[in-house]
Amino acid sequence: MSLIGNNSESVVATMPGRCCPDSSCGITQSRPNGAVTEYAYSIGKTLACALRFLTATHEPPTNQANGDPELPVPTADPIVIAPSPTPFTQNDRVDLAAVERNVERWLKTPLSGFMLNSENGEESFLSEKERFDIIRTVNAARAGQKFIVGGIDNPSVTESIRIAEGLAEAGAEFVRVRIPRLTDDPRGYFDEVIPRLPVPAILINQPAPGTFGQSLPLAAGSPEMIGAVCEMENVYGYIAGGNIRFESMTRMHVPASKKFWIGNGVLLLPGGAIGANGACLMFGNIAPAECIEMLTLTMNGELEKAQQMQKRLNNADWQVLSRGAAGIKAALNLMGYEGTQPRRPSTPLSEEETDRLELAMREAGLIS
């Protein structure tokens, strides 16, 4: 499966699809490089469905916003994506109009893509319909730019595949799959799930999602198991957890051909030092350029400059991360985005906490 170009040049990915718009027939098709070259027919389908398939006009998958069949994924490292917060109205409903306006602003930044249905996006507070609606909204608003990763956190093989199909249909080019915590056979889970996903997977090591700033378990899985799963053809990369000792061992097992992203702003320098070539982190929502610069400096061996920059950004990242979704929403509000407030019963930052966050962001040079 080929993956996809950068801002100036891109190619078309091989994306699975279905012949019928409503997917009712179950006949699958493959579109290598955007052209229909091979059809696989499901045995036992009715003659009417077969005739429908044979007479249909098939087009390559297109971006809903502009009809462009090319899906932009950067080829140059570092890649930095951010788990996007979910704005809510005063009536506690998902504010899709605010989602759209925020995306339009992020399109003007160097952020590489959007991670949707994440802990930062309050995934546990969202219905499945709301999650898919958010992806459809971002897909329509991104105007063919950047890429979308849809989140999966389910220990069931069957449910994970079903959810992945829905995420891909809604517009995600990748799915983020947490290493399952509620099974004693995570490798068996991946052996069944990964080959059957409609789009490539990005693994994430997040053994206690939502426990921002608290003591965390070591990690899920083992470095050897993670490396073996990352060797699978349908895996694009891996997002490291917060335990840098564990992840430095994991980096030794993840193939050099796969992405290895750090997941925390205060760990950009140490993450780059152990071989990270990108990041997926909350801080990317408010400081994507700084995250890219920090990783670039580290990857180029300019460690003294990277260290100075890390010191400047640390407190701002901590003030955001340690307060979870409420923290990133307050930070976005301070920058003119529509972060709004957390979903009930979660509470927004107090006035004192907001003042402390604002000061840290000013000292980091993120706001004036």
Protein backbone atom coordinates (compact mmCIF):
# COMPACT_ATOMS: atom_id res chain seq x y z
CA MET A 1 0.00 0.00 0.00
CA SER A 2 1.59 3.24 -1.09
CA LEU A 3 1.46 6.28 1.10
CA ILE A 4 1.21 9.65 -0.09
CA GLY A 5 3.00 12.87 -0.98
CA ASN A 6 3.99 16.13 0.63
CA ASN A 7 2.82 19.70 0.15
CA SER A 8 4.29 20.03 -3.34
CA GLU A 9 3.97 16.53 -4.69
CA SER A 10 1.68 13.63 -3.90
CA VAL A 11 0.65 10.31 -5.30
CA VAL A 12 -2.56 8.40 -4.98
CA ALA A 13 -2.81 5.77 -2.30
CA THR A 14 -4.26 2.35 -2.86
CA MET A 15 -7.54 2.51 -1.01
CA PRO A 16 -10.08 -0.28 -0.68
CA GLY A 17 -13.70 0.50 -1.42
CA ARG A 18 -17.03 -0.96 -2.45
CA CYS A 19 -18.83 -0.94 -5.74
CA CYS A 20 -22.16 0.20 -4.36
CA PRO A 21 -22.43 3.64 -2.73
CA ASP A 22 -24.35 2.12 0.16
CA SER A 23 -21.95 -0.87 0.41
CA SER A 24 -24.97 -3.15 0.38
CA CYS A 25 -23.61 -5.68 -2.07
CA GLY A 26 -20.41 -6.44 -0.18
CA ILE A 27 -18.40 -6.69 -3.40
CA THR A 28 -14.99 -5.15 -2.86
CA GLN A 29 -12.77 -3.37 -5.31
CA SER A 30 -9.15 -2.28 -5.32
CA ARG A 31 -7.98 1.02 -6.76
CA PRO A 32 -4.20 0.96 -7.17
CA ASN A 33 -2.90 4.44 -8.02
CA GLY A 34 -6.44 5.75 -8.39
CA ALA A 35 -7.48 3.47 -11.28
CA VAL A 36 -9.77 0.46 -11.04
CA THR A 37 -7.64 -2.50 -12.09
CA GLU A 38 -8.99 -5.46 -10.16
CA TYR A 39 -12.38 -6.62 -8.90
CA ALA A 40 -13.02 -9.32 -6.36
CA TYR A 41 -16.50 -10.73 -6.46
CA SER A 42 -18.20 -12.13 -3.40
CA ILE A 43 -19.50 -15.64 -4.02
CA GLY A 44 -23.23 -16.08 -3.68
CA LYS A 45 -24.22 -12.51 -4.54
CA THR A 46 -27.29 -12.05 -6.61
CA LEU A 47 -27.26 -11.58 -10.38
CA ALA A 48 -28.85 -8.17 -9.95
CA CYS A 49 -26.01 -7.01 -7.75
CA ALA A 50 -23.44 -8.39 -10.20
CA LEU A 51 -25.12 -6.54 -13.07
CA ARG A 52 -25.18 -3.40 -11.00
CA PHE A 53 -21.48 -3.75 -10.40
CA LEU A 54 -20.64 -4.43 -14.05
CA THR A 55 -22.59 -1.47 -15.37
CA ALA A 56 -21.56 1.04 -12.72
CA THR A 57 -19.07 3.81 -13.37
CA HIS A 58 -16.25 3.58 -10.86
CA GLU A 59 -14.20 6.57 -9.87
CA PRO A 60 -11.11 6.77 -7.66
CA PRO A 61 -11.70 7.76 -4.05
CA THR A 62 -11.92 11.50 -3.73
CA ASN A 63 -11.60 14.05 -1.00
CA GLN A 64 -15.09 15.28 -0.20
CA ALA A 65 -14.01 18.89 -0.05
CA ASN A 66 -12.61 19.37 -3.53
CA GLY A 67 -12.90 16.14 -5.51
CA ASP A 68 -9.13 15.67 -5.55
CA PRO A 69 -8.22 11.95 -5.58
CA GLU A 70 -4.82 12.72 -4.06
CA LEU A 71 -4.63 12.44 -0.28
CA PRO A 72 -1.77 14.54 1.16
CA VAL A 73 0.52 12.85 3.66
CA PRO A 74 3.98 14.39 4.06
CA THR A 75 6.93 12.29 3.00
CA ALA A 76 9.53 14.48 4.72
CA ASP A 77 10.14 14.19 8.46
CA PRO A 78 9.38 15.42 11.00
CA ILE A 79 5.62 14.96 10.79
CA VAL A 80 3.64 16.59 13.60
CA ILE A 81 -0.06 15.92 14.13
CA ALA A 82 -2.30 16.91 17.03
CA PRO A 83 -5.23 15.25 18.81
CA SER A 84 -7.93 17.80 18.12
CA PRO A 85 -10.19 18.92 20.98
CA THR A 86 -13.95 18.73 20.51
CA PRO A 87 -15.81 22.04 20.95
CA PHE A 88 -19.24 21.97 22.58
CA THR A 89 -22.14 24.41 22.57
CA GLN A 90 -23.56 25.89 25.75
CA ASN A 91 -26.20 23.14 25.51
CA ASP A 92 -23.42 20.53 25.70
CA ARG A 93 -23.76 19.40 22.08
CA VAL A 94 -20.88 18.90 19.67
CA ASP A 95 -20.36 22.20 17.86
CA LEU A 96 -19.58 21.07 14.32
CA ALA A 97 -19.56 24.64 13.03
CA ALA A 98 -16.79 25.45 15.52
CA VAL A 99 -14.93 22.30 14.44
CA GLU A 100 -15.00 23.59 10.88
CA ARG A 101 -13.80 27.07 11.81
CA ASN A 102 -10.95 25.66 13.90
CA VAL A 103 -9.83 23.45 11.01
CA GLU A 104 -9.79 26.45 8.70
CA ARG A 105 -7.36 28.15 11.09
CA TRP A 106 -5.16 25.05 11.48
CA LEU A 107 -4.88 24.84 7.70
CA LYS A 108 -2.82 28.05 7.90
CA THR A 109 -0.29 26.40 10.24
CA PRO A 110 2.43 23.80 9.54
CA LEU A 111 0.47 21.13 11.43
CA SER A 112 0.66 17.94 9.32
CA GLY A 113 -2.67 16.36 10.23
CA PHE A 114 -5.51 15.78 12.66
CA MET A 115 -5.93 13.01 15.20
CA LEU A 116 -9.65 12.66 15.86
CA ASN A 117 -11.47 10.61 18.50
CA SER A 118 -8.66 10.92 21.02
CA GLU A 119 -8.53 11.41 24.76
CA ASN A 120 -7.78 15.09 24.16
CA GLY A 121 -10.94 15.18 22.06
CA GLU A 122 -12.92 13.71 24.98
CA GLU A 123 -13.58 10.50 23.07
CA SER A 124 -15.12 8.80 26.11
CA PHE A 125 -17.78 11.52 26.21
CA LEU A 126 -18.78 11.12 22.55
CA SER A 127 -21.28 8.79 20.93
CA GLU A 128 -20.15 6.82 17.91
CA LYS A 129 -22.32 8.96 15.67
CA GLU A 130 -20.71 12.12 17.05
CA ARG A 131 -17.25 10.68 16.43
CA PHE A 132 -18.01 9.91 12.80
CA ASP A 133 -19.72 13.28 12.32
CA ILE A 134 -16.59 15.05 13.57
CA ILE A 135 -14.43 13.18 11.06
CA ARG A 136 -16.83 13.97 8.21
CA THR A 137 -16.81 17.64 9.20
CA VAL A 138 -13.00 17.85 9.33
CA ASN A 139 -12.75 15.95 6.05
CA ALA A 140 -15.05 18.43 4.34
CA ALA A 141 -13.33 21.47 5.87
CA ARG A 142 -9.71 20.55 5.21
CA ALA A 143 -9.95 21.37 1.48
CA GLY A 144 -7.81 18.40 0.46
CA GLN A 145 -4.99 19.42 2.81
CA LYS A 146 -3.36 17.57 5.70
CA PHE A 147 -4.51 14.09 6.73
CA ILE A 148 -6.88 12.51 9.22
CA VAL A 149 -6.24 9.77 11.76
CA GLY A 150 -9.32 8.24 13.39
CA GLY A 151 -9.03 6.73 16.84
CA ILE A 152 -9.92 3.17 17.90
CA ASP A 153 -9.80 1.91 21.49
CA ASN A 154 -11.52 -1.46 21.60
CA PRO A 155 -10.13 -4.87 22.63
CA SER A 156 -12.57 -6.70 20.35
CA VAL A 157 -11.25 -7.81 16.97
CA THR A 158 -14.70 -7.65 15.36
CA GLU A 159 -15.59 -4.25 16.78
CA SER A 160 -12.19 -2.74 15.97
CA ILE A 161 -12.56 -3.72 12.31
CA ARG A 162 -16.14 -2.45 12.16
CA ILE A 163 -15.15 0.88 13.69
CA ALA A 164 -12.16 1.18 11.35
CA GLU A 165 -14.42 0.71 8.34
CA GLY A 166 -16.66 3.51 9.61
CA LEU A 167 -13.71 5.82 10.21
CA ALA A 168 -12.32 5.20 6.73
CA GLU A 169 -15.70 5.77 5.15
CA ALA A 170 -15.99 9.07 7.03
CA GLY A 171 -12.67 10.28 5.62
CA ALA A 172 -9.77 8.99 7.74
CA GLU A 173 -6.60 7.96 5.88
CA PHE A 174 -5.26 6.15 8.96
CA VAL A 175 -6.59 4.64 12.15
CA ARG A 176 -4.91 4.99 15.51
CA VAL A 177 -5.10 1.73 17.43
CA ARG A 178 -4.29 1.64 21.12
CA ILE A 179 -2.42 -1.40 22.32
CA PRO A 180 -5.34 -3.23 23.96
CA ARG A 181 -5.35 -3.20 27.74
CA LEU A 182 -8.24 -5.58 28.40
CA THR A 183 -6.84 -8.72 26.79
CA ASP A 184 -4.05 -11.09 27.72
CA ASP A 185 -3.16 -11.58 24.03
CA PRO A 186 -2.38 -8.19 22.45
CA ARG A 187 -0.23 -9.81 19.75
CA GLY A 188 -3.11 -12.09 18.76
CA TYR A 189 -5.36 -9.05 18.58
CA PHE A 190 -3.02 -7.30 16.14
CA ASP A 191 -2.46 -10.44 14.07
CA GLU A 192 -6.19 -10.55 13.38
CA VAL A 193 -6.95 -6.83 13.16
CA ILE A 194 -4.07 -5.26 11.22
CA PRO A 195 -4.39 -7.25 7.94
CA ARG A 196 -8.14 -6.58 7.82
CA LEU A 197 -8.08 -2.82 8.35
CA PRO A 198 -9.25 -0.74 5.36
CA VAL A 199 -6.50 1.84 5.94
CA PRO A 200 -3.05 1.70 7.56
CA ALA A 201 -2.73 1.63 11.35
CA ILE A 202 -0.74 3.81 13.70
CA LEU A 203 -0.16 2.09 17.03
CA ILE A 204 -0.13 4.08 20.26
CA ASN A 205 1.16 3.05 23.67
CA GLN A 206 -1.30 4.67 26.06
CA PRO A 207 -1.87 2.29 28.98
CA ALA A 208 -3.89 4.82 31.00
CA PRO A 209 -5.51 7.34 28.64
CA GLY A 210 -6.74 10.47 30.34
CA THR A 211 -4.37 10.35 33.31
CA PHE A 212 -2.45 13.42 32.17
CA GLY A 213 0.32 14.53 34.49
CA GLN A 214 -0.10 11.58 36.85
CA SER A 215 2.02 8.54 37.54
CA LEU A 216 1.53 6.08 34.70
CA PRO A 217 2.01 2.34 34.33
CA LEU A 218 5.26 1.40 32.59
CA ALA A 219 3.68 0.65 29.22
CA ALA A 220 1.43 -1.76 27.40
CA GLY A 221 3.03 -4.72 25.65
CA SER A 222 6.76 -5.18 25.29
CA PRO A 223 9.35 -3.51 23.03
CA GLU A 224 9.77 -6.76 21.12
CA MET A 225 6.04 -7.24 20.56
CA ILE A 226 5.55 -3.64 19.45
CA GLY A 227 8.44 -3.91 17.03
CA ALA A 228 7.09 -7.14 15.56
CA VAL A 229 3.64 -5.60 15.02
CA CYS A 230 5.19 -2.52 13.41
CA GLU A 231 6.89 -4.80 10.89
CA MET A 232 3.45 -5.72 9.51
CA GLU A 233 2.70 -4.31 6.08
CA ASN A 234 -0.44 -2.39 7.05
CA VAL A 235 1.23 -0.50 9.93
CA TYR A 236 2.40 3.05 9.21
CA GLY A 237 4.05 3.79 12.52
CA TYR A 238 4.01 3.99 16.30
CA ILE A 239 3.30 6.72 18.87
CA ALA A 240 5.46 6.33 21.97
CA GLY A 241 4.20 6.58 25.52
CA GLY A 242 5.59 8.71 28.30
CA ASN A 243 8.14 6.26 29.71
CA ILE A 244 11.28 7.25 27.85
CA ARG A 245 13.28 4.31 29.23
CA PHE A 246 10.78 1.81 27.84
CA GLU A 247 10.46 3.69 24.57
CA SER A 248 14.22 3.89 24.02
CA MET A 249 14.18 0.08 23.99
CA THR A 250 11.11 0.03 21.76
CA ARG A 251 12.86 2.29 19.23
CA MET A 252 15.47 -0.43 18.79
CA HIS A 253 12.78 -2.84 17.59
CA VAL A 254 10.58 -0.58 15.44
CA PRO A 255 11.83 -0.77 11.84
CA ALA A 256 13.58 2.33 10.53
CA SER A 257 11.12 2.37 7.64
CA LYS A 258 8.19 3.01 10.01
CA LYS A 259 7.29 6.24 11.77
CA PHE A 260 8.24 6.60 15.42
CA TRP A 261 6.49 9.58 16.99
CA ILE A 262 6.80 11.05 20.46
CA GLY A 263 3.56 11.87 22.27
CA ASN A 264 4.42 14.65 24.71
CA GLY A 265 5.71 18.21 24.38
CA VAL A 266 8.14 18.03 27.30
CA LEU A 267 9.62 14.90 25.71
CA LEU A 268 10.37 16.36 22.27
CA LEU A 269 14.09 16.68 22.96
CA PRO A 270 14.58 13.28 24.65
CA GLY A 271 12.22 11.71 22.12
CA GLY A 272 14.25 13.06 19.23
CA ALA A 273 17.42 11.92 20.96
CA ILE A 274 16.23 8.29 20.96
CA GLY A 275 15.19 8.46 17.31
CA ALA A 276 11.71 9.98 17.07
CA ASN A 277 11.02 11.38 13.58
CA GLY A 278 7.70 13.04 14.37
CA ALA A 279 5.11 13.64 17.05
CA CYS A 280 1.44 13.33 17.89
CA LEU A 281 0.84 15.55 20.86
CA MET A 282 -1.61 17.92 22.51
CA PHE A 283 0.93 20.75 22.33
CA GLY A 284 0.80 20.53 18.53
CA ASN A 285 -2.61 22.18 18.59
CA ILE A 286 -1.14 25.45 19.85
CA ALA A 287 2.53 25.26 18.81
CA PRO A 288 2.93 23.13 15.66
CA ALA A 289 5.77 25.23 14.25
CA GLU A 290 7.70 25.01 17.52
CA CYS A 291 7.23 21.24 17.70
CA ILE A 292 8.51 20.82 14.14
CA GLU A 293 11.49 23.11 14.80
CA MET A 294 12.38 21.27 18.02
CA LEU A 295 12.35 17.88 16.31
CA THR A 296 14.26 19.20 13.32
CA LEU A 297 16.99 20.60 15.56
CA THR A 298 17.28 17.34 17.45
CA MET A 299 17.29 15.20 14.31
CA ASN A 300 20.04 17.42 12.88
CA GLY A 301 22.15 17.10 16.02
CA GLU A 302 21.74 20.75 17.07
CA LEU A 303 21.14 19.72 20.65
CA GLU A 304 22.16 22.95 22.36
CA LYS A 305 19.58 24.95 20.40
CA ALA A 306 17.00 22.24 20.98
CA GLN A 307 17.70 22.27 24.70
CA GLN A 308 17.20 26.03 24.90
CA MET A 309 13.93 25.74 23.05
CA GLN A 310 12.75 22.84 25.21
CA LYS A 311 13.35 24.89 28.35
CA ARG A 312 11.34 27.77 26.91
CA LEU A 313 8.34 25.58 26.08
CA ASN A 314 8.28 23.16 29.01
CA ASN A 315 6.13 25.13 31.42
CA ALA A 316 3.53 26.00 28.81
CA ASP A 317 3.24 22.35 27.80
CA TRP A 318 2.98 21.28 31.43
CA GLN A 319 0.29 23.84 32.25
CA VAL A 320 -1.76 22.54 29.31
CA LEU A 321 -1.13 18.80 29.60
CA SER A 322 -1.58 18.51 33.36
CA ARG A 323 -5.12 19.85 33.01
CA GLY A 324 -6.18 17.55 30.18
CA ALA A 325 -8.96 18.57 27.84
CA ALA A 326 -9.81 21.62 29.96
CA GLY A 327 -6.21 22.82 29.63
CA ILE A 328 -5.94 22.57 25.86
CA LYS A 329 -9.36 24.13 25.42
CA ALA A 330 -8.40 27.10 27.59
CA ALA A 331 -5.15 27.49 25.64
CA LEU A 332 -7.00 27.47 22.34
CA ASN A 333 -9.48 30.04 23.65
CA LEU A 334 -6.55 32.30 24.58
CA MET A 335 -5.23 31.98 21.00
CA GLY A 336 -8.54 32.86 19.38
CA TYR A 337 -9.65 29.34 18.49
CA GLU A 338 -12.99 27.99 19.63
CA GLY A 339 -11.83 25.58 22.29
CA THR A 340 -15.05 26.20 24.25
CA GLN A 341 -15.43 24.15 27.45
CA PRO A 342 -15.19 20.46 28.41
CA ARG A 343 -18.26 18.30 28.17
CA ARG A 344 -20.28 17.96 31.36
CA PRO A 345 -19.69 17.05 34.08
CA SER A 346 -16.03 18.00 33.45
CA THR A 347 -15.27 21.58 34.43
CA PRO A 348 -13.26 24.33 32.72
CA LEU A 349 -10.20 25.92 34.25
CA SER A 350 -10.72 28.36 37.08
CA GLU A 351 -9.83 32.00 36.59
CA GLU A 352 -6.63 31.47 38.58
CA GLU A 353 -5.65 28.43 36.51
CA THR A 354 -6.36 30.30 33.29
CA ASP A 355 -4.17 33.21 34.42
CA ARG A 356 -1.34 30.80 35.22
CA LEU A 357 -1.71 29.16 31.81
CA GLU A 358 -1.78 32.51 30.03
CA LEU A 359 1.42 33.60 31.77
CA ALA A 360 3.19 30.36 30.78
CA MET A 361 2.08 30.77 27.16
CA ARG A 362 3.34 34.38 27.10
CA GLU A 363 6.69 33.35 28.55
CA ALA A 364 6.94 30.65 25.85
CA GLY A 365 6.24 33.21 23.14
CA LEU A 366 3.02 31.51 22.03
CA ILE A 367 0.85 34.57 22.63
CA SER A 368 1.75 38.25 22.94
